[in-house]
Amino acid sequence: MARSKVVEFDYYQFLNLLQRATNAGARIERSDPRWPQYIKQHTINEVAASAIARQKFEGAIAVIIDEGESTDGLYFYAKNDEGCLRLVPLE
């Protein structure tokens, strides 16, 4: 499994990314059939990442952005806290 870490990401920059991904059809929600495929393909430890996000934000929402850009990946955001976390691979 690839090693990754969860880092803070600018919430307002994330909102712009999310809107762009939504418009392009590159936003993947948990209920989307593409979700498990993306998680498996990128060897993401979703349980660990979700646990970290829940420690930071009470109502963290997970979403994947898959546009083929450097900003692609798993994000957790909380509207009430105006916060965002991003899972990034360790190099």
PDB file of N, CA and C in Angstrom:
ATOM      1  N   MET A   1       0.834  -1.175   0.000  1.00  0.00           N
ATOM      2  CA  MET A   1       0.000   0.000   0.000  1.00  0.00           C
ATOM      3  C   MET A   1       0.885   1.246   0.000  1.00  0.00           C
ATOM      4  N   ALA A   2       0.525   2.197  -0.837  1.00  0.00           N
ATOM      5  CA  ALA A   2       1.301   3.432  -0.926  1.00  0.00           C
ATOM      6  C   ALA A   2       1.159   4.239   0.353  1.00  0.00           C
ATOM      7  N   ARG A   3       2.258   4.808   0.801  1.00  0.00           N
ATOM      8  CA  ARG A   3       2.222   5.639   2.009  1.00  0.00           C
ATOM      9  C   ARG A   3       1.771   7.035   1.631  1.00  0.00           C
ATOM     10  N   SER A   4       0.909   7.569   2.466  1.00  0.00           N
ATOM     11  CA  SER A   4       0.357   8.902   2.223  1.00  0.00           C
ATOM     12  C   SER A   4       0.213   9.638   3.542  1.00  0.00           C
ATOM     13  N   LYS A   5      -0.044  10.930   3.411  1.00  0.00           N
ATOM     14  CA  LYS A   5      -0.328  11.725   4.603  1.00  0.00           C
ATOM     15  C   LYS A   5      -1.480  12.668   4.281  1.00  0.00           C
ATOM     16  N   VAL A   6      -2.165  13.072   5.323  1.00  0.00           N
ATOM     17  CA  VAL A   6      -3.275  14.007   5.177  1.00  0.00           C
ATOM     18  C   VAL A   6      -2.756  15.393   5.558  1.00  0.00           C
ATOM     19  N   VAL A   7      -2.907  16.345   4.640  1.00  0.00           N
ATOM     20  CA  VAL A   7      -2.412  17.698   4.868  1.00  0.00           C
ATOM     21  C   VAL A   7      -3.553  18.705   4.718  1.00  0.00           C
ATOM     22  N   GLU A   8      -3.397  19.850   5.351  1.00  0.00           N
ATOM     23  CA  GLU A   8      -4.395  20.904   5.205  1.00  0.00           C
ATOM     24  C   GLU A   8      -4.304  21.490   3.806  1.00  0.00           C
ATOM     25  N   PHE A   9      -5.462  21.867   3.284  1.00  0.00           N
ATOM     26  CA  PHE A   9      -5.562  22.448   1.955  1.00  0.00           C
ATOM     27  C   PHE A   9      -6.468  23.663   2.053  1.00  0.00           C
ATOM     28  N   ASP A  10      -6.163  24.720   1.325  1.00  0.00           N
ATOM     29  CA  ASP A  10      -6.951  25.944   1.378  1.00  0.00           C
ATOM     30  C   ASP A  10      -8.396  25.672   0.963  1.00  0.00           C
ATOM     31  N   TYR A  11      -9.315  25.963   1.857  1.00  0.00           N
ATOM     32  CA  TYR A  11     -10.729  25.657   1.648  1.00  0.00           C
ATOM     33  C   TYR A  11     -11.294  26.376   0.423  1.00  0.00           C
ATOM     34  N   TYR A  12     -10.947  27.624   0.241  1.00  0.00           N
ATOM     35  CA  TYR A  12     -11.519  28.395  -0.863  1.00  0.00           C
ATOM     36  C   TYR A  12     -10.926  27.984  -2.200  1.00  0.00           C
ATOM     37  N   GLN A  13      -9.681  27.584  -2.212  1.00  0.00           N
ATOM     38  CA  GLN A  13      -9.085  27.031  -3.427  1.00  0.00           C
ATOM     39  C   GLN A  13      -9.763  25.694  -3.751  1.00  0.00           C
ATOM     40  N   PHE A  14     -10.036  24.914  -2.703  1.00  0.00           N
ATOM     41  CA  PHE A  14     -10.717  23.641  -2.893  1.00  0.00           C
ATOM     42  C   PHE A  14     -12.103  23.850  -3.498  1.00  0.00           C
ATOM     43  N   LEU A  15     -12.841  24.849  -3.021  1.00  0.00           N
ATOM     44  CA  LEU A  15     -14.174  25.102  -3.574  1.00  0.00           C
ATOM     45  C   LEU A  15     -14.111  25.375  -5.075  1.00  0.00           C
ATOM     46  N   ASN A  16     -13.090  26.102  -5.514  1.00  0.00           N
ATOM     47  CA  ASN A  16     -12.914  26.353  -6.944  1.00  0.00           C
ATOM     48  C   ASN A  16     -12.602  25.057  -7.691  1.00  0.00           C
ATOM     49  N   LEU A  17     -11.728  24.223  -7.110  1.00  0.00           N
ATOM     50  CA  LEU A  17     -11.411  22.930  -7.719  1.00  0.00           C
ATOM     51  C   LEU A  17     -12.649  22.055  -7.808  1.00  0.00           C
ATOM     52  N   LEU A  18     -13.413  22.034  -6.729  1.00  0.00           N
ATOM     53  CA  LEU A  18     -14.614  21.210  -6.676  1.00  0.00           C
ATOM     54  C   LEU A  18     -15.630  21.647  -7.728  1.00  0.00           C
ATOM     55  N   GLN A  19     -15.804  22.936  -7.882  1.00  0.00           N
ATOM     56  CA  GLN A  19     -16.744  23.441  -8.889  1.00  0.00           C
ATOM     57  C   GLN A  19     -16.278  23.074 -10.294  1.00  0.00           C
ATOM     58  N   ARG A  20     -14.990  23.239 -10.554  1.00  0.00           N
ATOM     59  CA  ARG A  20     -14.432  22.890 -11.863  1.00  0.00           C
ATOM     60  C   ARG A  20     -14.610  21.400 -12.142  1.00  0.00           C
ATOM     61  N   ALA A  21     -14.318  20.554 -11.137  1.00  0.00           N
ATOM     62  CA  ALA A  21     -14.461  19.104 -11.297  1.00  0.00           C
ATOM     63  C   ALA A  21     -15.918  18.710 -11.501  1.00  0.00           C
ATOM     64  N   THR A  22     -16.819  19.371 -10.780  1.00  0.00           N
ATOM     65  CA  THR A  22     -18.245  19.087 -10.926  1.00  0.00           C
ATOM     66  C   THR A  22     -18.701  19.412 -12.340  1.00  0.00           C
ATOM     67  N   ASN A  23     -18.300  20.550 -12.842  1.00  0.00           N
ATOM     68  CA  ASN A  23     -18.668  20.959 -14.202  1.00  0.00           C
ATOM     69  C   ASN A  23     -18.115  20.011 -15.256  1.00  0.00           C
ATOM     70  N   ALA A  24     -16.945  19.438 -14.992  1.00  0.00           N
ATOM     71  CA  ALA A  24     -16.294  18.541 -15.956  1.00  0.00           C
ATOM     72  C   ALA A  24     -16.698  17.077 -15.775  1.00  0.00           C
ATOM     73  N   GLY A  25     -17.527  16.794 -14.770  1.00  0.00           N
ATOM     74  CA  GLY A  25     -17.917  15.409 -14.500  1.00  0.00           C
ATOM     75  C   GLY A  25     -16.807  14.601 -13.854  1.00  0.00           C
ATOM     76  N   ALA A  26     -15.855  15.285 -13.214  1.00  0.00           N
ATOM     77  CA  ALA A  26     -14.692  14.629 -12.604  1.00  0.00           C
ATOM     78  C   ALA A  26     -14.779  14.591 -11.086  1.00  0.00           C
ATOM     79  N   ARG A  27     -15.950  14.875 -10.549  1.00  0.00           N
ATOM     80  CA  ARG A  27     -16.173  14.816  -9.095  1.00  0.00           C
ATOM     81  C   ARG A  27     -16.738  13.434  -8.779  1.00  0.00           C
ATOM     82  N   ILE A  28     -16.102  12.740  -7.844  1.00  0.00           N
ATOM     83  CA  ILE A  28     -16.537  11.395  -7.478  1.00  0.00           C
ATOM     84  C   ILE A  28     -16.957  11.391  -6.012  1.00  0.00           C
ATOM     85  N   GLU A  29     -18.241  11.133  -5.794  1.00  0.00           N
ATOM     86  CA  GLU A  29     -18.789  11.025  -4.441  1.00  0.00           C
ATOM     87  C   GLU A  29     -18.719   9.564  -3.998  1.00  0.00           C
ATOM     88  N   ARG A  30     -18.869   9.320  -2.689  1.00  0.00           N
ATOM     89  CA  ARG A  30     -18.839   7.945  -2.168  1.00  0.00           C
ATOM     90  C   ARG A  30     -19.874   7.051  -2.821  1.00  0.00           C
ATOM     91  N   SER A  31     -21.008   7.579  -3.190  1.00  0.00           N
ATOM     92  CA  SER A  31     -22.080   6.784  -3.787  1.00  0.00           C
ATOM     93  C   SER A  31     -21.840   6.474  -5.265  1.00  0.00           C
ATOM     94  N   ASP A  32     -20.838   7.105  -5.850  1.00  0.00           N
ATOM     95  CA  ASP A  32     -20.511   6.924  -7.262  1.00  0.00           C
ATOM     96  C   ASP A  32     -19.849   5.563  -7.476  1.00  0.00           C
ATOM     97  N   PRO A  33     -20.233   4.828  -8.521  1.00  0.00           N
ATOM     98  CA  PRO A  33     -19.610   3.524  -8.789  1.00  0.00           C
ATOM     99  C   PRO A  33     -18.103   3.618  -9.095  1.00  0.00           C
ATOM    100  N   ARG A  34     -17.614   4.806  -9.437  1.00  0.00           N
ATOM    101  CA  ARG A  34     -16.179   4.975  -9.721  1.00  0.00           C
ATOM    102  C   ARG A  34     -15.341   5.041  -8.451  1.00  0.00           C
ATOM    103  N   TRP A  35     -15.992   5.288  -7.287  1.00  0.00           N
ATOM    104  CA  TRP A  35     -15.285   5.453  -6.020  1.00  0.00           C
ATOM    105  C   TRP A  35     -14.389   4.264  -5.700  1.00  0.00           C
ATOM    106  N   PRO A  36     -14.932   3.026  -5.584  1.00  0.00           N
ATOM    107  CA  PRO A  36     -14.069   1.891  -5.196  1.00  0.00           C
ATOM    108  C   PRO A  36     -12.951   1.625  -6.204  1.00  0.00           C
ATOM    109  N   GLN A  37     -13.226   1.874  -7.464  1.00  0.00           N
ATOM    110  CA  GLN A  37     -12.208   1.677  -8.501  1.00  0.00           C
ATOM    111  C   GLN A  37     -11.047   2.650  -8.296  1.00  0.00           C
ATOM    112  N   TYR A  38     -11.352   3.914  -8.014  1.00  0.00           N
ATOM    113  CA  TYR A  38     -10.306   4.918  -7.798  1.00  0.00           C
ATOM    114  C   TYR A  38      -9.495   4.578  -6.548  1.00  0.00           C
ATOM    115  N   ILE A  39     -10.183   4.210  -5.459  1.00  0.00           N
ATOM    116  CA  ILE A  39      -9.513   3.862  -4.202  1.00  0.00           C
ATOM    117  C   ILE A  39      -8.549   2.702  -4.421  1.00  0.00           C
ATOM    118  N   LYS A  40      -9.001   1.688  -5.137  1.00  0.00           N
ATOM    119  CA  LYS A  40      -8.163   0.507  -5.387  1.00  0.00           C
ATOM    120  C   LYS A  40      -6.994   0.843  -6.322  1.00  0.00           C
ATOM    121  N   GLN A  41      -7.289   1.552  -7.376  1.00  0.00           N
ATOM    122  CA  GLN A  41      -6.266   1.901  -8.374  1.00  0.00           C
ATOM    123  C   GLN A  41      -5.136   2.732  -7.762  1.00  0.00           C
ATOM    124  N   HIS A  42      -5.465   3.608  -6.822  1.00  0.00           N
ATOM    125  CA  HIS A  42      -4.471   4.489  -6.214  1.00  0.00           C
ATOM    126  C   HIS A  42      -4.006   4.004  -4.837  1.00  0.00           C
ATOM    127  N   THR A  43      -4.383   2.771  -4.495  1.00  0.00           N
ATOM    128  CA  THR A  43      -4.017   2.124  -3.224  1.00  0.00           C
ATOM    129  C   THR A  43      -4.141   3.086  -2.036  1.00  0.00           C
ATOM    130  N   ILE A  44      -5.337   3.616  -1.878  1.00  0.00           N
ATOM    131  CA  ILE A  44      -5.618   4.574  -0.812  1.00  0.00           C
ATOM    132  C   ILE A  44      -6.128   3.827   0.411  1.00  0.00           C
ATOM    133  N   ASN A  45      -5.565   4.141   1.562  1.00  0.00           N
ATOM    134  CA  ASN A  45      -6.059   3.605   2.825  1.00  0.00           C
ATOM    135  C   ASN A  45      -7.169   4.547   3.301  1.00  0.00           C
ATOM    136  N   GLU A  46      -8.352   4.289   2.811  1.00  0.00           N
ATOM    137  CA  GLU A  46      -9.487   5.174   3.060  1.00  0.00           C
ATOM    138  C   GLU A  46      -9.870   5.216   4.536  1.00  0.00           C
ATOM    139  N   VAL A  47      -9.756   4.100   5.226  1.00  0.00           N
ATOM    140  CA  VAL A  47     -10.137   4.037   6.641  1.00  0.00           C
ATOM    141  C   VAL A  47      -9.246   4.957   7.473  1.00  0.00           C
ATOM    142  N   ALA A  48      -7.950   4.867   7.278  1.00  0.00           N
ATOM    143  CA  ALA A  48      -7.016   5.697   8.041  1.00  0.00           C
ATOM    144  C   ALA A  48      -7.199   7.175   7.711  1.00  0.00           C
ATOM    145  N   ALA A  49      -7.344   7.494   6.425  1.00  0.00           N
ATOM    146  CA  ALA A  49      -7.516   8.885   6.023  1.00  0.00           C
ATOM    147  C   ALA A  49      -8.810   9.460   6.597  1.00  0.00           C
ATOM    148  N   SER A  50      -9.870   8.670   6.574  1.00  0.00           N
ATOM    149  CA  SER A  50     -11.152   9.122   7.122  1.00  0.00           C
ATOM    150  C   SER A  50     -11.061   9.358   8.622  1.00  0.00           C
ATOM    151  N   ALA A  51     -10.330   8.503   9.324  1.00  0.00           N
ATOM    152  CA  ALA A  51     -10.160   8.660  10.768  1.00  0.00           C
ATOM    153  C   ALA A  51      -9.447   9.968  11.093  1.00  0.00           C
ATOM    154  N   ILE A  52      -8.440  10.285  10.331  1.00  0.00           N
ATOM    155  CA  ILE A  52      -7.707  11.545  10.540  1.00  0.00           C
ATOM    156  C   ILE A  52      -8.626  12.736  10.279  1.00  0.00           C
ATOM    157  N   ALA A  53      -9.412  12.652   9.200  1.00  0.00           N
ATOM    158  CA  ALA A  53     -10.326  13.757   8.863  1.00  0.00           C
ATOM    159  C   ALA A  53     -11.386  13.945   9.945  1.00  0.00           C
ATOM    160  N   ARG A  54     -11.887  12.844  10.505  1.00  0.00           N
ATOM    161  CA  ARG A  54     -12.903  12.947  11.560  1.00  0.00           C
ATOM    162  C   ARG A  54     -12.333  13.560  12.833  1.00  0.00           C
ATOM    163  N   GLN A  55     -11.037  13.387  13.062  1.00  0.00           N
ATOM    164  CA  GLN A  55     -10.410  14.017  14.228  1.00  0.00           C
ATOM    165  C   GLN A  55     -10.361  15.534  14.059  1.00  0.00           C
ATOM    166  N   LYS A  56     -10.169  15.973  12.839  1.00  0.00           N
ATOM    167  CA  LYS A  56     -10.029  17.398  12.552  1.00  0.00           C
ATOM    168  C   LYS A  56     -11.387  18.098  12.392  1.00  0.00           C
ATOM    169  N   PHE A  57     -12.298  17.449  11.674  1.00  0.00           N
ATOM    170  CA  PHE A  57     -13.606  18.035  11.382  1.00  0.00           C
ATOM    171  C   PHE A  57     -14.705  17.061  11.765  1.00  0.00           C
ATOM    172  N   GLU A  58     -15.688  17.560  12.500  1.00  0.00           N
ATOM    173  CA  GLU A  58     -16.772  16.699  12.964  1.00  0.00           C
ATOM    174  C   GLU A  58     -17.585  16.126  11.804  1.00  0.00           C
ATOM    175  N   GLY A  59     -17.928  16.928  10.843  1.00  0.00           N
ATOM    176  CA  GLY A  59     -18.774  16.478   9.737  1.00  0.00           C
ATOM    177  C   GLY A  59     -18.033  16.443   8.421  1.00  0.00           C
ATOM    178  N   ALA A  60     -16.870  15.852   8.398  1.00  0.00           N
ATOM    179  CA  ALA A  60     -16.047  15.836   7.184  1.00  0.00           C
ATOM    180  C   ALA A  60     -16.739  15.053   6.071  1.00  0.00           C
ATOM    181  N   ILE A  61     -16.729  15.618   4.884  1.00  0.00           N
ATOM    182  CA  ILE A  61     -17.306  14.999   3.697  1.00  0.00           C
ATOM    183  C   ILE A  61     -16.149  14.612   2.768  1.00  0.00           C
ATOM    184  N   ALA A  62     -16.146  13.370   2.331  1.00  0.00           N
ATOM    185  CA  ALA A  62     -15.083  12.892   1.445  1.00  0.00           C
ATOM    186  C   ALA A  62     -15.514  13.049  -0.015  1.00  0.00           C
ATOM    187  N   VAL A  63     -14.570  13.437  -0.846  1.00  0.00           N
ATOM    188  CA  VAL A  63     -14.819  13.556  -2.278  1.00  0.00           C
ATOM    189  C   VAL A  63     -13.503  13.316  -3.012  1.00  0.00           C
ATOM    190  N   ILE A  64     -13.605  12.739  -4.193  1.00  0.00           N
ATOM    191  CA  ILE A  64     -12.428  12.525  -5.036  1.00  0.00           C
ATOM    192  C   ILE A  64     -12.549  13.444  -6.242  1.00  0.00           C
ATOM    193  N   ILE A  65     -11.456  14.103  -6.565  1.00  0.00           N
ATOM    194  CA  ILE A  65     -11.374  14.897  -7.790  1.00  0.00           C
ATOM    195  C   ILE A  65     -10.442  14.145  -8.733  1.00  0.00           C
ATOM    196  N   ASP A  66     -10.943  13.832  -9.924  1.00  0.00           N
ATOM    197  CA  ASP A  66     -10.184  13.034 -10.898  1.00  0.00           C
ATOM    198  C   ASP A  66     -10.253  13.681 -12.273  1.00  0.00           C
ATOM    199  N   GLU A  67      -9.504  14.769 -12.421  1.00  0.00           N
ATOM    200  CA  GLU A  67      -9.492  15.529 -13.676  1.00  0.00           C
ATOM    201  C   GLU A  67      -8.271  15.222 -14.547  1.00  0.00           C
ATOM    202  N   GLY A  68      -7.350  14.439 -14.019  1.00  0.00           N
ATOM    203  CA  GLY A  68      -6.103  14.224 -14.748  1.00  0.00           C
ATOM    204  C   GLY A  68      -5.122  15.364 -14.518  1.00  0.00           C
ATOM    205  N   GLU A  69      -5.281  16.062 -13.404  1.00  0.00           N
ATOM    206  CA  GLU A  69      -4.425  17.198 -13.056  1.00  0.00           C
ATOM    207  C   GLU A  69      -3.610  16.875 -11.810  1.00  0.00           C
ATOM    208  N   SER A  70      -2.673  17.736 -11.456  1.00  0.00           N
ATOM    209  CA  SER A  70      -1.859  17.528 -10.252  1.00  0.00           C
ATOM    210  C   SER A  70      -2.681  17.702  -8.978  1.00  0.00           C
ATOM    211  N   THR A  71      -3.851  18.285  -9.092  1.00  0.00           N
ATOM    212  CA  THR A  71      -4.725  18.485  -7.939  1.00  0.00           C
ATOM    213  C   THR A  71      -5.667  17.309  -7.696  1.00  0.00           C
ATOM    214  N   ASP A  72      -5.560  16.260  -8.481  1.00  0.00           N
ATOM    215  CA  ASP A  72      -6.413  15.089  -8.307  1.00  0.00           C
ATOM    216  C   ASP A  72      -6.158  14.427  -6.967  1.00  0.00           C
ATOM    217  N   GLY A  73      -7.182  13.777  -6.433  1.00  0.00           N
ATOM    218  CA  GLY A  73      -6.994  13.013  -5.218  1.00  0.00           C
ATOM    219  C   GLY A  73      -8.205  13.012  -4.321  1.00  0.00           C
ATOM    220  N   LEU A  74      -7.992  12.477  -3.123  1.00  0.00           N
ATOM    221  CA  LEU A  74      -9.034  12.374  -2.110  1.00  0.00           C
ATOM    222  C   LEU A  74      -8.970  13.592  -1.201  1.00  0.00           C
ATOM    223  N   TYR A  75     -10.107  14.233  -1.033  1.00  0.00           N
ATOM    224  CA  TYR A  75     -10.220  15.414  -0.185  1.00  0.00           C
ATOM    225  C   TYR A  75     -11.296  15.177   0.863  1.00  0.00           C
ATOM    226  N   PHE A  76     -11.146  15.841   1.985  1.00  0.00           N
ATOM    227  CA  PHE A  76     -12.172  15.874   3.025  1.00  0.00           C
ATOM    228  C   PHE A  76     -12.441  17.338   3.310  1.00  0.00           C
ATOM    229  N   TYR A  77     -13.710  17.719   3.321  1.00  0.00           N
ATOM    230  CA  TYR A  77     -14.010  19.116   3.609  1.00  0.00           C
ATOM    231  C   TYR A  77     -15.178  19.216   4.577  1.00  0.00           C
ATOM    232  N   ALA A  78     -15.226  20.329   5.276  1.00  0.00           N
ATOM    233  CA  ALA A  78     -16.282  20.607   6.237  1.00  0.00           C
ATOM    234  C   ALA A  78     -16.779  22.022   6.004  1.00  0.00           C
ATOM    235  N   LYS A  79     -18.027  22.137   5.583  1.00  0.00           N
ATOM    236  CA  LYS A  79     -18.611  23.455   5.295  1.00  0.00           C
ATOM    237  C   LYS A  79     -18.678  24.330   6.544  1.00  0.00           C
ATOM    238  N   ASN A  80     -19.119  23.758   7.660  1.00  0.00           N
ATOM    239  CA  ASN A  80     -19.273  24.548   8.884  1.00  0.00           C
ATOM    240  C   ASN A  80     -17.944  25.086   9.392  1.00  0.00           C
ATOM    241  N   ASP A  81     -16.885  24.299   9.261  1.00  0.00           N
ATOM    242  CA  ASP A  81     -15.560  24.719   9.719  1.00  0.00           C
ATOM    243  C   ASP A  81     -14.783  25.476   8.654  1.00  0.00           C
ATOM    244  N   GLU A  82     -15.311  25.504   7.430  1.00  0.00           N
ATOM    245  CA  GLU A  82     -14.613  26.085   6.290  1.00  0.00           C
ATOM    246  C   GLU A  82     -13.178  25.567   6.239  1.00  0.00           C
ATOM    247  N   GLY A  83     -13.059  24.236   6.278  1.00  0.00           N
ATOM    248  CA  GLY A  83     -11.757  23.594   6.265  1.00  0.00           C
ATOM    249  C   GLY A  83     -11.699  22.474   5.252  1.00  0.00           C
ATOM    250  N   CYS A  84     -10.482  22.157   4.852  1.00  0.00           N
ATOM    251  CA  CYS A  84     -10.274  21.108   3.858  1.00  0.00           C
ATOM    252  C   CYS A  84      -8.967  20.387   4.148  1.00  0.00           C
ATOM    253  N   LEU A  85      -8.991  19.083   3.943  1.00  0.00           N
ATOM    254  CA  LEU A  85      -7.795  18.249   4.057  1.00  0.00           C
ATOM    255  C   LEU A  85      -7.632  17.489   2.746  1.00  0.00           C
ATOM    256  N   ARG A  86      -6.389  17.197   2.406  1.00  0.00           N
ATOM    257  CA  ARG A  86      -6.097  16.469   1.174  1.00  0.00           C
ATOM    258  C   ARG A  86      -5.144  15.329   1.493  1.00  0.00           C
ATOM    259  N   LEU A  87      -5.386  14.178   0.900  1.00  0.00           N
ATOM    260  CA  LEU A  87      -4.494  13.038   1.032  1.00  0.00           C
ATOM    261  C   LEU A  87      -3.428  13.136  -0.054  1.00  0.00           C
ATOM    262  N   VAL A  88      -2.164  13.185   0.355  1.00  0.00           N
ATOM    263  CA  VAL A  88      -1.070  13.277  -0.612  1.00  0.00           C
ATOM    264  C   VAL A  88      -0.082  12.134  -0.385  1.00  0.00           C
ATOM    265  N   PRO A  89       0.450  11.573  -1.462  1.00  0.00           N
ATOM    266  CA  PRO A  89       1.431  10.483  -1.303  1.00  0.00           C
ATOM    267  C   PRO A  89       2.760  10.998  -0.763  1.00  0.00           C
ATOM    268  N   LEU A  90       3.424  10.183   0.023  1.00  0.00           N
ATOM    269  CA  LEU A  90       4.770  10.525   0.504  1.00  0.00           C
ATOM    270  C   LEU A  90       5.764  10.144  -0.588  1.00  0.00           C
ATOM    271  N   GLU A  91       6.706  10.996  -0.831  1.00  0.00           N
ATOM    272  CA  GLU A  91       7.685  10.741  -1.895  1.00  0.00           C
ATOM    273  C   GLU A  91       8.964  10.213  -1.319  1.00  0.00           C
TER     274      GLU A  91
END
